[in-house]
Amino acid sequence: MNFFVTQHIVINSLKIEGISNSSVCQIGSAGIIKPVSKLYNTGGFTEPAPQVGPLPTSGLEEFVPLIPLVQPSPVRSGTLR
């Protein structure tokens, strides 16, 4: 049995925090996901990377999200009915 899926997906922004050799990022439907591992040393490096130094600061004391968030509603004490 064959299924044909037509999709229209628009992604304005996609932020990936981390990725490893076994990571899968799936957007939409996939019939079969086959594992593949391709490791390349494209830079010709022969030593491990140097240790990371301190992260730069932006000068902003407060985190400002890219998506505006609404304030959470206050929690009422009492029993739920």
N, C-alpha and C. Protein backbone atom coordinates (compact mmCIF):
# COMPACT_ATOMS: atom_id res chain seq x y z
N MET A 1 0.85 -1.17 0.00
CA MET A 1 0.00 0.00 0.00
C MET A 1 0.90 1.24 0.00
N ASN A 2 0.61 2.18 -0.86
CA ASN A 2 1.39 3.41 -0.95
C ASN A 2 0.55 4.58 -0.47
N PHE A 3 1.16 5.43 0.32
CA PHE A 3 0.53 6.67 0.75
C PHE A 3 1.29 7.81 0.11
N PHE A 4 0.59 8.75 -0.43
CA PHE A 4 1.20 9.94 -0.99
C PHE A 4 0.77 11.13 -0.15
N VAL A 5 1.73 11.80 0.45
CA VAL A 5 1.46 12.92 1.34
C VAL A 5 1.99 14.18 0.68
N THR A 6 1.12 15.17 0.55
CA THR A 6 1.53 16.47 0.03
C THR A 6 1.54 17.45 1.19
N GLN A 7 2.64 18.13 1.39
CA GLN A 7 2.77 19.06 2.51
C GLN A 7 3.32 20.38 2.02
N HIS A 8 2.93 21.42 2.72
CA HIS A 8 3.48 22.76 2.50
C HIS A 8 3.92 23.25 3.87
N ILE A 9 5.21 23.32 4.09
CA ILE A 9 5.75 23.68 5.40
C ILE A 9 6.59 24.93 5.23
N VAL A 10 6.32 25.94 6.06
CA VAL A 10 7.09 27.18 6.05
C VAL A 10 7.74 27.32 7.42
N ILE A 11 9.04 27.42 7.45
CA ILE A 11 9.77 27.59 8.70
C ILE A 11 10.51 28.92 8.60
N ASN A 12 10.12 29.86 9.44
CA ASN A 12 10.77 31.16 9.44
C ASN A 12 12.08 31.14 10.23
N SER A 13 12.12 30.34 11.27
CA SER A 13 13.33 30.27 12.09
C SER A 13 13.40 28.89 12.73
N LEU A 14 14.57 28.31 12.73
CA LEU A 14 14.79 27.01 13.35
C LEU A 14 16.10 27.08 14.11
N LYS A 15 16.03 26.91 15.43
CA LYS A 15 17.23 26.97 16.26
C LYS A 15 17.47 25.59 16.84
N ILE A 16 18.64 25.05 16.57
CA ILE A 16 19.02 23.74 17.08
C ILE A 16 20.11 23.96 18.12
N GLU A 17 19.82 23.55 19.35
CA GLU A 17 20.76 23.78 20.45
C GLU A 17 21.98 22.87 20.36
N GLY A 18 21.79 21.65 19.93
CA GLY A 18 22.92 20.73 19.86
C GLY A 18 22.64 19.63 18.86
N ILE A 19 23.70 19.05 18.35
CA ILE A 19 23.54 17.97 17.38
C ILE A 19 24.66 16.97 17.61
N SER A 20 24.35 15.72 17.42
CA SER A 20 25.36 14.68 17.58
C SER A 20 25.23 13.71 16.41
N ASN A 21 26.03 12.67 16.44
CA ASN A 21 26.02 11.71 15.33
C ASN A 21 24.69 10.97 15.21
N SER A 22 23.94 10.88 16.30
CA SER A 22 22.69 10.13 16.26
C SER A 22 21.47 11.04 16.25
N SER A 23 21.63 12.32 15.95
CA SER A 23 20.51 13.25 15.97
C SER A 23 19.65 13.10 14.72
N VAL A 24 18.35 13.31 14.91
CA VAL A 24 17.40 13.29 13.80
C VAL A 24 16.55 14.55 13.91
N CYS A 25 16.50 15.32 12.85
CA CYS A 25 15.63 16.49 12.79
C CYS A 25 14.62 16.21 11.69
N GLN A 26 13.39 15.90 12.09
CA GLN A 26 12.36 15.55 11.12
C GLN A 26 11.35 16.67 11.04
N ILE A 27 11.10 17.12 9.84
CA ILE A 27 10.08 18.13 9.59
C ILE A 27 9.13 17.53 8.57
N GLY A 28 7.89 17.32 8.96
CA GLY A 28 6.93 16.72 8.06
C GLY A 28 6.92 15.21 8.19
N SER A 29 6.35 14.56 7.20
CA SER A 29 6.21 13.10 7.22
C SER A 29 7.41 12.43 6.59
N ALA A 30 7.77 11.29 7.15
CA ALA A 30 8.85 10.49 6.58
C ALA A 30 8.40 9.05 6.58
N GLY A 31 8.53 8.39 5.46
CA GLY A 31 8.15 6.98 5.39
C GLY A 31 9.14 6.11 6.13
N ILE A 32 10.40 6.26 5.82
CA ILE A 32 11.45 5.46 6.44
C ILE A 32 12.63 6.39 6.74
N ILE A 33 13.14 6.29 7.95
CA ILE A 33 14.36 7.02 8.31
C ILE A 33 15.47 5.99 8.44
N LYS A 34 16.42 6.04 7.55
CA LYS A 34 17.53 5.09 7.57
C LYS A 34 18.73 5.74 8.25
N PRO A 35 19.33 5.05 9.22
CA PRO A 35 20.50 5.63 9.89
C PRO A 35 21.71 5.68 8.96
N VAL A 36 22.37 6.82 8.97
CA VAL A 36 23.58 7.01 8.17
C VAL A 36 24.56 7.79 9.03
N SER A 37 25.80 7.40 9.02
CA SER A 37 26.83 8.12 9.74
C SER A 37 27.98 8.41 8.79
N LYS A 38 28.21 9.69 8.55
CA LYS A 38 29.30 10.11 7.67
C LYS A 38 30.18 11.08 8.45
N LEU A 39 31.36 10.65 8.79
CA LEU A 39 32.29 11.49 9.55
C LEU A 39 33.41 11.93 8.62
N TYR A 40 33.58 13.22 8.51
CA TYR A 40 34.60 13.77 7.62
C TYR A 40 35.49 14.74 8.39
N ASN A 41 36.76 14.74 8.09
CA ASN A 41 37.68 15.73 8.62
C ASN A 41 38.01 16.66 7.46
N THR A 42 37.09 17.58 7.18
CA THR A 42 37.24 18.43 6.00
C THR A 42 38.31 19.48 6.17
N GLY A 43 38.70 19.78 7.40
CA GLY A 43 39.73 20.79 7.61
C GLY A 43 41.13 20.23 7.72
N GLY A 44 41.26 18.92 7.72
CA GLY A 44 42.56 18.31 7.83
C GLY A 44 43.18 18.48 9.22
N PHE A 45 42.35 18.55 10.25
CA PHE A 45 42.85 18.77 11.61
C PHE A 45 43.52 17.51 12.13
N THR A 46 44.60 17.69 12.89
CA THR A 46 45.33 16.55 13.45
C THR A 46 45.31 16.55 14.97
N GLU A 47 44.79 17.62 15.60
CA GLU A 47 44.74 17.73 17.06
C GLU A 47 43.32 18.06 17.50
N PRO A 48 43.02 17.81 18.78
CA PRO A 48 41.71 18.24 19.29
C PRO A 48 41.60 19.77 19.27
N ALA A 49 40.38 20.26 19.24
CA ALA A 49 40.14 21.70 19.25
C ALA A 49 40.56 22.29 20.58
N PRO A 50 41.00 23.55 20.61
CA PRO A 50 41.37 24.17 21.88
C PRO A 50 40.15 24.36 22.77
N GLN A 51 40.41 24.49 24.08
CA GLN A 51 39.33 24.70 25.04
C GLN A 51 38.65 26.04 24.79
N VAL A 52 37.36 26.08 25.06
CA VAL A 52 36.58 27.30 24.86
C VAL A 52 36.86 28.27 26.01
N GLY A 53 37.02 29.53 25.68
CA GLY A 53 37.22 30.57 26.69
C GLY A 53 35.89 31.06 27.22
N PRO A 54 35.90 32.14 27.99
CA PRO A 54 34.64 32.67 28.53
C PRO A 54 33.75 33.19 27.41
N LEU A 55 32.44 33.03 27.59
CA LEU A 55 31.49 33.49 26.59
C LEU A 55 31.39 35.01 26.62
N PRO A 56 31.21 35.64 25.47
CA PRO A 56 31.06 37.09 25.47
C PRO A 56 29.73 37.50 26.09
N THR A 57 29.71 38.65 26.71
CA THR A 57 28.48 39.16 27.30
C THR A 57 27.88 40.20 26.39
N SER A 58 26.56 40.28 26.40
CA SER A 58 25.87 41.22 25.52
C SER A 58 25.61 42.55 26.20
N GLY A 59 25.79 42.63 27.50
CA GLY A 59 25.51 43.86 28.21
C GLY A 59 24.07 43.93 28.69
N LEU A 60 23.22 43.05 28.20
CA LEU A 60 21.84 43.03 28.66
C LEU A 60 21.74 42.18 29.91
N GLU A 61 21.16 42.72 30.94
CA GLU A 61 21.03 41.99 32.19
C GLU A 61 19.83 41.04 32.16
N GLU A 62 18.83 41.37 31.34
CA GLU A 62 17.61 40.59 31.31
C GLU A 62 17.49 39.88 29.97
N PHE A 63 17.06 38.63 30.03
CA PHE A 63 16.86 37.86 28.80
C PHE A 63 15.60 38.35 28.10
N VAL A 64 15.71 38.64 26.83
CA VAL A 64 14.56 39.07 26.04
C VAL A 64 14.29 38.00 24.99
N PRO A 65 13.14 37.30 25.07
CA PRO A 65 12.86 36.26 24.09
C PRO A 65 12.58 36.84 22.71
N LEU A 66 12.87 36.06 21.68
CA LEU A 66 12.59 36.50 20.32
C LEU A 66 11.10 36.49 20.03
N ILE A 67 10.35 35.62 20.71
CA ILE A 67 8.91 35.55 20.54
C ILE A 67 8.28 36.21 21.76
N PRO A 68 7.41 37.22 21.57
CA PRO A 68 6.80 37.86 22.73
C PRO A 68 5.93 36.86 23.50
N LEU A 69 6.14 36.81 24.80
CA LEU A 69 5.41 35.90 25.65
C LEU A 69 4.42 36.67 26.51
N VAL A 70 3.27 36.07 26.80
CA VAL A 70 2.28 36.71 27.66
C VAL A 70 2.62 36.39 29.11
N GLN A 71 2.20 37.28 30.00
CA GLN A 71 2.41 37.04 31.42
C GLN A 71 1.54 35.88 31.86
N PRO A 72 2.05 34.99 32.71
CA PRO A 72 1.22 33.88 33.19
C PRO A 72 0.09 34.40 34.07
N SER A 73 -1.05 33.73 34.01
CA SER A 73 -2.17 34.15 34.84
C SER A 73 -1.89 33.78 36.29
N PRO A 74 -2.40 34.58 37.23
CA PRO A 74 -2.13 34.28 38.64
C PRO A 74 -2.82 32.98 39.06
N VAL A 75 -2.18 32.28 39.98
CA VAL A 75 -2.71 31.02 40.48
C VAL A 75 -3.66 31.32 41.62
N ARG A 76 -4.87 30.79 41.54
CA ARG A 76 -5.85 30.99 42.60
C ARG A 76 -5.76 29.83 43.57
N SER A 77 -5.80 30.15 44.84
CA SER A 77 -5.79 29.07 45.84
C SER A 77 -7.21 28.59 46.06
N GLY A 78 -7.36 27.37 46.46
CA GLY A 78 -8.68 26.79 46.68
C GLY A 78 -8.80 25.48 45.95
N THR A 79 -9.98 24.93 45.99
CA THR A 79 -10.19 23.63 45.35
C THR A 79 -10.74 23.83 43.95
N LEU A 80 -10.40 22.91 43.09
CA LEU A 80 -10.94 22.92 41.74
C LEU A 80 -12.24 22.14 41.71
N ARG A 81 -13.19 22.62 40.97
CA ARG A 81 -14.49 21.94 40.88
C ARG A 81 -14.74 21.49 39.48
